[in-house]
């Protein structure tokens, strides 16, 4: 399964964004940010890639500071692949 990570530079912004997505019926998880993604607060919002367009729309309607970007996360045979979108 493909996931997207929404990465912020602030824990507060990360948790706010997760709550916004939950309020809009988008299932999310708070996960540790992979080490290959630096410059962040250490946690990210993880959601299924099927919701990506809705999440982008919600992000564009908010004024959340400290957004670092979206990252595609896939895992094959236990090996993760992370690509900045």
PDB file of N, CA and C in Angstrom:
ATOM      1  N   UNK A   1       0.836  -1.172   0.000  1.00  0.00           N
ATOM      2  CA  UNK A   1       0.000   0.000   0.000  1.00  0.00           C
ATOM      3  C   UNK A   1       0.887   1.243   0.000  1.00  0.00           C
ATOM      4  N   UNK A   2       0.431   2.263  -0.703  1.00  0.00           N
ATOM      5  CA  UNK A   2       1.184   3.510  -0.771  1.00  0.00           C
ATOM      6  C   UNK A   2       0.637   4.510   0.230  1.00  0.00           C
ATOM      7  N   UNK A   3       1.548   5.171   0.898  1.00  0.00           N
ATOM      8  CA  UNK A   3       1.180   6.181   1.881  1.00  0.00           C
ATOM      9  C   UNK A   3       1.831   7.502   1.512  1.00  0.00           C
ATOM     10  N   UNK A   4       1.277   8.555   2.057  1.00  0.00           N
ATOM     11  CA  UNK A   4       1.864   9.879   1.937  1.00  0.00           C
ATOM     12  C   UNK A   4       2.161  10.366   3.349  1.00  0.00           C
ATOM     13  N   UNK A   5       3.295  11.002   3.512  1.00  0.00           N
ATOM     14  CA  UNK A   5       3.644  11.628   4.773  1.00  0.00           C
ATOM     15  C   UNK A   5       3.552  13.141   4.591  1.00  0.00           C
ATOM     16  N   UNK A   6       2.827  13.802   5.465  1.00  0.00           N
ATOM     17  CA  UNK A   6       2.818  15.259   5.521  1.00  0.00           C
ATOM     18  C   UNK A   6       3.793  15.645   6.621  1.00  0.00           C
ATOM     19  N   UNK A   7       4.815  16.380   6.247  1.00  0.00           N
ATOM     20  CA  UNK A   7       5.912  16.669   7.162  1.00  0.00           C
ATOM     21  C   UNK A   7       5.922  18.160   7.503  1.00  0.00           C
ATOM     22  N   UNK A   8       6.040  18.433   8.782  1.00  0.00           N
ATOM     23  CA  UNK A   8       6.085  19.806   9.280  1.00  0.00           C
ATOM     24  C   UNK A   8       7.342  19.986  10.121  1.00  0.00           C
ATOM     25  N   UNK A   9       7.704  21.234  10.338  1.00  0.00           N
ATOM     26  CA  UNK A   9       8.877  21.550  11.160  1.00  0.00           C
ATOM     27  C   UNK A   9       8.489  21.823  12.603  1.00  0.00           C
ATOM     28  N   UNK A  10       7.210  21.650  12.925  1.00  0.00           N
ATOM     29  CA  UNK A  10       6.710  21.918  14.271  1.00  0.00           C
ATOM     30  C   UNK A  10       5.762  20.803  14.693  1.00  0.00           C
ATOM     31  N   UNK A  11       5.910  20.334  15.906  1.00  0.00           N
ATOM     32  CA  UNK A  11       5.002  19.302  16.432  1.00  0.00           C
ATOM     33  C   UNK A  11       3.580  19.842  16.514  1.00  0.00           C
ATOM     34  N   UNK A  12       3.447  21.081  16.921  1.00  0.00           N
ATOM     35  CA  UNK A  12       2.127  21.713  17.030  1.00  0.00           C
ATOM     36  C   UNK A  12       1.417  21.723  15.665  1.00  0.00           C
ATOM     37  N   UNK A  13       2.125  22.113  14.609  1.00  0.00           N
ATOM     38  CA  UNK A  13       1.536  22.137  13.265  1.00  0.00           C
ATOM     39  C   UNK A  13       1.182  20.724  12.802  1.00  0.00           C
ATOM     40  N   UNK A  14       2.028  19.764  13.120  1.00  0.00           N
ATOM     41  CA  UNK A  14       1.757  18.368  12.744  1.00  0.00           C
ATOM     42  C   UNK A  14       0.466  17.876  13.387  1.00  0.00           C
ATOM     43  N   UNK A  15       0.329  18.102  14.681  1.00  0.00           N
ATOM     44  CA  UNK A  15      -0.858  17.641  15.397  1.00  0.00           C
ATOM     45  C   UNK A  15      -2.110  18.401  14.959  1.00  0.00           C
ATOM     46  N   UNK A  16      -1.980  19.700  14.688  1.00  0.00           N
ATOM     47  CA  UNK A  16      -3.114  20.476  14.180  1.00  0.00           C
ATOM     48  C   UNK A  16      -3.595  19.931  12.843  1.00  0.00           C
ATOM     49  N   UNK A  17      -2.647  19.622  11.962  1.00  0.00           N
ATOM     50  CA  UNK A  17      -3.007  19.111  10.640  1.00  0.00           C
ATOM     51  C   UNK A  17      -3.664  17.737  10.750  1.00  0.00           C
ATOM     52  N   UNK A  18      -3.158  16.891  11.618  1.00  0.00           N
ATOM     53  CA  UNK A  18      -3.769  15.573  11.831  1.00  0.00           C
ATOM     54  C   UNK A  18      -5.208  15.731  12.307  1.00  0.00           C
ATOM     55  N   UNK A  19      -5.441  16.649  13.222  1.00  0.00           N
ATOM     56  CA  UNK A  19      -6.802  16.889  13.716  1.00  0.00           C
ATOM     57  C   UNK A  19      -7.714  17.431  12.619  1.00  0.00           C
ATOM     58  N   UNK A  20      -7.187  18.291  11.758  1.00  0.00           N
ATOM     59  CA  UNK A  20      -7.965  18.814  10.635  1.00  0.00           C
ATOM     60  C   UNK A  20      -8.389  17.682   9.705  1.00  0.00           C
ATOM     61  N   UNK A  21      -7.464  16.792   9.400  1.00  0.00           N
ATOM     62  CA  UNK A  21      -7.794  15.673   8.512  1.00  0.00           C
ATOM     63  C   UNK A  21      -8.816  14.740   9.157  1.00  0.00           C
ATOM     64  N   UNK A  22      -8.635  14.443  10.434  1.00  0.00           N
ATOM     65  CA  UNK A  22      -9.601  13.590  11.137  1.00  0.00           C
ATOM     66  C   UNK A  22     -10.996  14.217  11.130  1.00  0.00           C
ATOM     67  N   UNK A  23     -11.067  15.534  11.319  1.00  0.00           N
ATOM     68  CA  UNK A  23     -12.353  16.240  11.313  1.00  0.00           C
ATOM     69  C   UNK A  23     -13.028  16.177   9.946  1.00  0.00           C
ATOM     70  N   UNK A  24     -12.230  15.920   8.912  1.00  0.00           N
ATOM     71  CA  UNK A  24     -12.762  15.790   7.555  1.00  0.00           C
ATOM     72  C   UNK A  24     -12.823  14.331   7.105  1.00  0.00           C
ATOM     73  N   UNK A  25     -12.888  13.435   8.076  1.00  0.00           N
ATOM     74  CA  UNK A  25     -13.056  12.002   7.835  1.00  0.00           C
ATOM     75  C   UNK A  25     -11.965  11.364   6.981  1.00  0.00           C
ATOM     76  N   UNK A  26     -10.751  11.840   7.160  1.00  0.00           N
ATOM     77  CA  UNK A  26      -9.602  11.230   6.497  1.00  0.00           C
ATOM     78  C   UNK A  26      -8.815  10.477   7.566  1.00  0.00           C
ATOM     79  N   UNK A  27      -8.719   9.163   7.435  1.00  0.00           N
ATOM     80  CA  UNK A  27      -7.987   8.389   8.448  1.00  0.00           C
ATOM     81  C   UNK A  27      -6.486   8.689   8.389  1.00  0.00           C
ATOM     82  N   UNK A  28      -5.926   8.992   9.538  1.00  0.00           N
ATOM     83  CA  UNK A  28      -4.504   9.338   9.625  1.00  0.00           C
ATOM     84  C   UNK A  28      -3.859   8.617  10.792  1.00  0.00           C
ATOM     85  N   UNK A  29      -2.549   8.630  10.772  1.00  0.00           N
ATOM     86  CA  UNK A  29      -1.751   8.144  11.897  1.00  0.00           C
ATOM     87  C   UNK A  29      -0.598   9.115  12.092  1.00  0.00           C
ATOM     88  N   UNK A  30      -0.234   9.308  13.339  1.00  0.00           N
ATOM     89  CA  UNK A  30       0.965  10.085  13.651  1.00  0.00           C
ATOM     90  C   UNK A  30       2.106   9.079  13.753  1.00  0.00           C
ATOM     91  N   UNK A  31       3.143   9.292  12.949  1.00  0.00           N
ATOM     92  CA  UNK A  31       4.263   8.354  12.905  1.00  0.00           C
ATOM     93  C   UNK A  31       5.574   9.107  13.080  1.00  0.00           C
ATOM     94  N   UNK A  32       6.611   8.377  13.441  1.00  0.00           N
ATOM     95  CA  UNK A  32       7.943   8.966  13.478  1.00  0.00           C
ATOM     96  C   UNK A  32       8.386   9.265  12.054  1.00  0.00           C
ATOM     97  N   UNK A  33       8.942  10.435  11.873  1.00  0.00           N
ATOM     98  CA  UNK A  33       9.444  10.809  10.549  1.00  0.00           C
ATOM     99  C   UNK A  33      10.698   9.992  10.250  1.00  0.00           C
ATOM    100  N   UNK A  34      10.767   9.371   9.069  1.00  0.00           N
ATOM    101  CA  UNK A  34      11.975   8.609   8.719  1.00  0.00           C
ATOM    102  C   UNK A  34      13.220   9.492   8.781  1.00  0.00           C
ATOM    103  N   UNK A  35      14.320   8.903   9.186  1.00  0.00           N
ATOM    104  CA  UNK A  35      15.562   9.659   9.376  1.00  0.00           C
ATOM    105  C   UNK A  35      16.092  10.299   8.102  1.00  0.00           C
ATOM    106  N   UNK A  36      15.740   9.751   6.944  1.00  0.00           N
ATOM    107  CA  UNK A  36      16.244  10.325   5.692  1.00  0.00           C
ATOM    108  C   UNK A  36      15.612  11.689   5.406  1.00  0.00           C
ATOM    109  N   UNK A  37      14.511  11.985   6.090  1.00  0.00           N
ATOM    110  CA  UNK A  37      13.880  13.302   5.973  1.00  0.00           C
ATOM    111  C   UNK A  37      14.351  14.112   7.168  1.00  0.00           C
ATOM    112  N   UNK A  38      15.243  15.030   6.932  1.00  0.00           N
ATOM    113  CA  UNK A  38      15.776  15.816   8.042  1.00  0.00           C
ATOM    114  C   UNK A  38      15.053  17.155   8.130  1.00  0.00           C
ATOM    115  N   UNK A  39      15.460  17.979   9.063  1.00  0.00           N
ATOM    116  CA  UNK A  39      14.928  19.322   9.261  1.00  0.00           C
ATOM    117  C   UNK A  39      13.486  19.338   9.770  1.00  0.00           C
ATOM    118  N   UNK A  40      13.037  18.292  10.394  1.00  0.00           N
ATOM    119  CA  UNK A  40      11.645  18.243  10.841  1.00  0.00           C
ATOM    120  C   UNK A  40      11.568  18.057  12.344  1.00  0.00           C
ATOM    121  N   UNK A  41      10.334  18.047  12.848  1.00  0.00           N
ATOM    122  CA  UNK A  41      10.119  17.954  14.291  1.00  0.00           C
ATOM    123  C   UNK A  41      10.206  16.524  14.815  1.00  0.00           C
ATOM    124  N   UNK A  42      10.225  15.536  13.922  1.00  0.00           N
ATOM    125  CA  UNK A  42      10.358  14.153  14.366  1.00  0.00           C
ATOM    126  C   UNK A  42       9.106  13.313  14.211  1.00  0.00           C
ATOM    127  N   UNK A  43       7.950  13.969  14.010  1.00  0.00           N
ATOM    128  CA  UNK A  43       6.721  13.211  13.757  1.00  0.00           C
ATOM    129  C   UNK A  43       6.065  13.750  12.488  1.00  0.00           C
ATOM    130  N   UNK A  44       5.303  12.878  11.824  1.00  0.00           N
ATOM    131  CA  UNK A  44       4.624  13.238  10.584  1.00  0.00           C
ATOM    132  C   UNK A  44       3.207  12.683  10.600  1.00  0.00           C
ATOM    133  N   UNK A  45       2.399  13.190   9.692  1.00  0.00           N
ATOM    134  CA  UNK A  45       1.037  12.692   9.503  1.00  0.00           C
ATOM    135  C   UNK A  45       1.069  11.725   8.322  1.00  0.00           C
ATOM    136  N   UNK A  46       0.624  10.507   8.559  1.00  0.00           N
ATOM    137  CA  UNK A  46       0.622   9.462   7.529  1.00  0.00           C
ATOM    138  C   UNK A  46      -0.819   9.199   7.108  1.00  0.00           C
ATOM    139  N   UNK A  47      -1.055   9.151   5.787  1.00  0.00           N
ATOM    140  CA  UNK A  47      -2.390   8.832   5.274  1.00  0.00           C
ATOM    141  C   UNK A  47      -2.254   8.070   3.962  1.00  0.00           C
ATOM    142  N   UNK A  48      -3.316   7.380   3.590  1.00  0.00           N
ATOM    143  CA  UNK A  48      -3.330   6.582   2.361  1.00  0.00           C
ATOM    144  C   UNK A  48      -3.333   7.528   1.158  1.00  0.00           C
ATOM    145  N   UNK A  49      -2.551   7.187   0.145  1.00  0.00           N
ATOM    146  CA  UNK A  49      -2.379   8.064  -1.014  1.00  0.00           C
ATOM    147  C   UNK A  49      -3.690   8.351  -1.755  1.00  0.00           C
ATOM    148  N   UNK A  50      -4.711   7.521  -1.572  1.00  0.00           N
ATOM    149  CA  UNK A  50      -6.009   7.766  -2.212  1.00  0.00           C
ATOM    150  C   UNK A  50      -6.618   9.099  -1.791  1.00  0.00           C
ATOM    151  N   UNK A  51      -6.232   9.607  -0.645  1.00  0.00           N
ATOM    152  CA  UNK A  51      -6.779  10.863  -0.121  1.00  0.00           C
ATOM    153  C   UNK A  51      -5.914  12.078  -0.466  1.00  0.00           C
ATOM    154  N   UNK A  52      -4.872  11.907  -1.257  1.00  0.00           N
ATOM    155  CA  UNK A  52      -3.895  12.973  -1.475  1.00  0.00           C
ATOM    156  C   UNK A  52      -4.521  14.262  -2.008  1.00  0.00           C
ATOM    157  N   UNK A  53      -5.388  14.175  -2.997  1.00  0.00           N
ATOM    158  CA  UNK A  53      -5.960  15.401  -3.563  1.00  0.00           C
ATOM    159  C   UNK A  53      -6.824  16.132  -2.539  1.00  0.00           C
ATOM    160  N   UNK A  54      -7.586  15.399  -1.738  1.00  0.00           N
ATOM    161  CA  UNK A  54      -8.389  16.037  -0.686  1.00  0.00           C
ATOM    162  C   UNK A  54      -7.502  16.704   0.356  1.00  0.00           C
ATOM    163  N   UNK A  55      -6.406  16.031   0.716  1.00  0.00           N
ATOM    164  CA  UNK A  55      -5.487  16.580   1.712  1.00  0.00           C
ATOM    165  C   UNK A  55      -4.837  17.857   1.181  1.00  0.00           C
ATOM    166  N   UNK A  56      -4.433  17.854  -0.081  1.00  0.00           N
ATOM    167  CA  UNK A  56      -3.841  19.054  -0.676  1.00  0.00           C
ATOM    168  C   UNK A  56      -4.828  20.215  -0.647  1.00  0.00           C
ATOM    169  N   UNK A  57      -6.085  19.939  -0.947  1.00  0.00           N
ATOM    170  CA  UNK A  57      -7.112  20.975  -0.924  1.00  0.00           C
ATOM    171  C   UNK A  57      -7.274  21.532   0.483  1.00  0.00           C
ATOM    172  N   UNK A  58      -7.339  20.669   1.477  1.00  0.00           N
ATOM    173  CA  UNK A  58      -7.467  21.126   2.861  1.00  0.00           C
ATOM    174  C   UNK A  58      -6.258  21.949   3.287  1.00  0.00           C
ATOM    175  N   UNK A  59      -5.073  21.521   2.897  1.00  0.00           N
ATOM    176  CA  UNK A  59      -3.864  22.265   3.253  1.00  0.00           C
ATOM    177  C   UNK A  59      -3.882  23.659   2.621  1.00  0.00           C
ATOM    178  N   UNK A  60      -4.338  23.750   1.381  1.00  0.00           N
ATOM    179  CA  UNK A  60      -4.350  25.050   0.700  1.00  0.00           C
ATOM    180  C   UNK A  60      -5.357  26.012   1.326  1.00  0.00           C
ATOM    181  N   UNK A  61      -6.354  25.490   2.018  1.00  0.00           N
ATOM    182  CA  UNK A  61      -7.373  26.332   2.666  1.00  0.00           C
ATOM    183  C   UNK A  61      -6.980  26.779   4.066  1.00  0.00           C
ATOM    184  N   UNK A  62      -5.885  26.257   4.561  1.00  0.00           N
ATOM    185  CA  UNK A  62      -5.461  26.601   5.916  1.00  0.00           C
ATOM    186  C   UNK A  62      -4.233  27.490   5.860  1.00  0.00           C
ATOM    187  N   UNK A  63      -3.916  28.043   6.981  1.00  0.00           N
ATOM    188  CA  UNK A  63      -2.730  28.874   7.075  1.00  0.00           C
ATOM    189  C   UNK A  63      -1.743  28.230   8.046  1.00  0.00           C
ATOM    190  N   UNK A  64      -1.494  26.950   7.837  1.00  0.00           N
ATOM    191  CA  UNK A  64      -0.575  26.239   8.717  1.00  0.00           C
ATOM    192  C   UNK A  64       0.863  26.571   8.355  1.00  0.00           C
ATOM    193  N   UNK A  65       1.557  27.059   9.319  1.00  0.00           N
ATOM    194  CA  UNK A  65       2.967  27.396   9.109  1.00  0.00           C
ATOM    195  C   UNK A  65       3.818  26.140   9.283  1.00  0.00           C
ATOM    196  N   UNK A  66       5.049  26.246   8.921  1.00  0.00           N
ATOM    197  CA  UNK A  66       6.042  25.206   9.159  1.00  0.00           C
ATOM    198  C   UNK A  66       5.845  23.947   8.312  1.00  0.00           C
ATOM    199  N   UNK A  67       5.079  24.028   7.228  1.00  0.00           N
ATOM    200  CA  UNK A  67       4.909  22.866   6.358  1.00  0.00           C
ATOM    201  C   UNK A  67       6.186  22.639   5.577  1.00  0.00           C
ATOM    202  N   UNK A  68       6.702  21.404   5.607  1.00  0.00           N
ATOM    203  CA  UNK A  68       7.949  21.072   4.918  1.00  0.00           C
ATOM    204  C   UNK A  68       7.707  20.374   3.593  1.00  0.00           C
ATOM    205  N   UNK A  69       6.604  19.646   3.461  1.00  0.00           N
ATOM    206  CA  UNK A  69       6.306  18.990   2.196  1.00  0.00           C
ATOM    207  C   UNK A  69       5.639  17.645   2.370  1.00  0.00           C
ATOM    208  N   UNK A  70       5.236  17.100   1.228  1.00  0.00           N
ATOM    209  CA  UNK A  70       4.653  15.765   1.175  1.00  0.00           C
ATOM    210  C   UNK A  70       5.707  14.796   0.656  1.00  0.00           C
ATOM    211  N   UNK A  71       5.680  13.587   1.197  1.00  0.00           N
ATOM    212  CA  UNK A  71       6.602  12.539   0.787  1.00  0.00           C
ATOM    213  C   UNK A  71       5.818  11.263   0.519  1.00  0.00           C
ATOM    214  N   UNK A  72       6.122  10.624  -0.600  1.00  0.00           N
ATOM    215  CA  UNK A  72       5.536   9.330  -0.927  1.00  0.00           C
ATOM    216  C   UNK A  72       6.333   8.257  -0.192  1.00  0.00           C
ATOM    217  N   UNK A  73       5.611   7.344   0.463  1.00  0.00           N
ATOM    218  CA  UNK A  73       6.262   6.274   1.219  1.00  0.00           C
ATOM    219  C   UNK A  73       5.715   4.943   0.731  1.00  0.00           C
ATOM    220  N   UNK A  74       6.585   4.138   0.172  1.00  0.00           N
ATOM    221  CA  UNK A  74       6.211   2.783  -0.234  1.00  0.00           C
ATOM    222  C   UNK A  74       7.236   1.824   0.353  1.00  0.00           C
ATOM    223  N   UNK A  75       6.798   0.599   0.546  1.00  0.00           N
ATOM    224  CA  UNK A  75       7.694  -0.416   1.102  1.00  0.00           C
ATOM    225  C   UNK A  75       7.532  -1.691   0.294  1.00  0.00           C
ATOM    226  N   UNK A  76       8.661  -2.197  -0.197  1.00  0.00           N
ATOM    227  CA  UNK A  76       8.673  -3.451  -0.946  1.00  0.00           C
ATOM    228  C   UNK A  76       9.699  -4.376  -0.330  1.00  0.00           C
ATOM    229  N   UNK A  77       9.228  -5.540   0.061  1.00  0.00           N
ATOM    230  CA  UNK A  77      10.107  -6.550   0.687  1.00  0.00           C
ATOM    231  C   UNK A  77      10.844  -5.982   1.893  1.00  0.00           C
ATOM    232  N   UNK A  78      10.141  -5.141   2.632  1.00  0.00           N
ATOM    233  CA  UNK A  78      10.713  -4.591   3.844  1.00  0.00           C
ATOM    234  C   UNK A  78      11.648  -3.416   3.640  1.00  0.00           C
ATOM    235  N   UNK A  79      11.816  -2.984   2.384  1.00  0.00           N
ATOM    236  CA  UNK A  79      12.717  -1.860   2.089  1.00  0.00           C
ATOM    237  C   UNK A  79      11.876  -0.634   1.732  1.00  0.00           C
ATOM    238  N   UNK A  80      11.972   0.430   2.535  1.00  0.00           N
ATOM    239  CA  UNK A  80      11.176   1.615   2.257  1.00  0.00           C
ATOM    240  C   UNK A  80      11.780   2.467   1.133  1.00  0.00           C
ATOM    241  N   UNK A  81      10.888   3.116   0.398  1.00  0.00           N
ATOM    242  CA  UNK A  81      11.269   4.080  -0.626  1.00  0.00           C
ATOM    243  C   UNK A  81      10.529   5.371  -0.311  1.00  0.00           C
ATOM    244  N   UNK A  82      11.287   6.463  -0.177  1.00  0.00           N
ATOM    245  CA  UNK A  82      10.698   7.743   0.198  1.00  0.00           C
ATOM    246  C   UNK A  82      11.102   8.777  -0.855  1.00  0.00           C
ATOM    247  N   UNK A  83      10.081   9.426  -1.424  1.00  0.00           N
ATOM    248  CA  UNK A  83      10.319  10.405  -2.482  1.00  0.00           C
ATOM    249  C   UNK A  83       9.545  11.676  -2.162  1.00  0.00           C
ATOM    250  N   UNK A  84      10.230  12.822  -2.219  1.00  0.00           N
ATOM    251  CA  UNK A  84       9.547  14.100  -1.998  1.00  0.00           C
ATOM    252  C   UNK A  84       8.667  14.412  -3.196  1.00  0.00           C
ATOM    253  N   UNK A  85       7.433  14.800  -2.904  1.00  0.00           N
ATOM    254  CA  UNK A  85       6.482  15.114  -3.989  1.00  0.00           C
ATOM    255  C   UNK A  85       6.495  16.598  -4.306  1.00  0.00           C
TER     256      UNK A  85
END
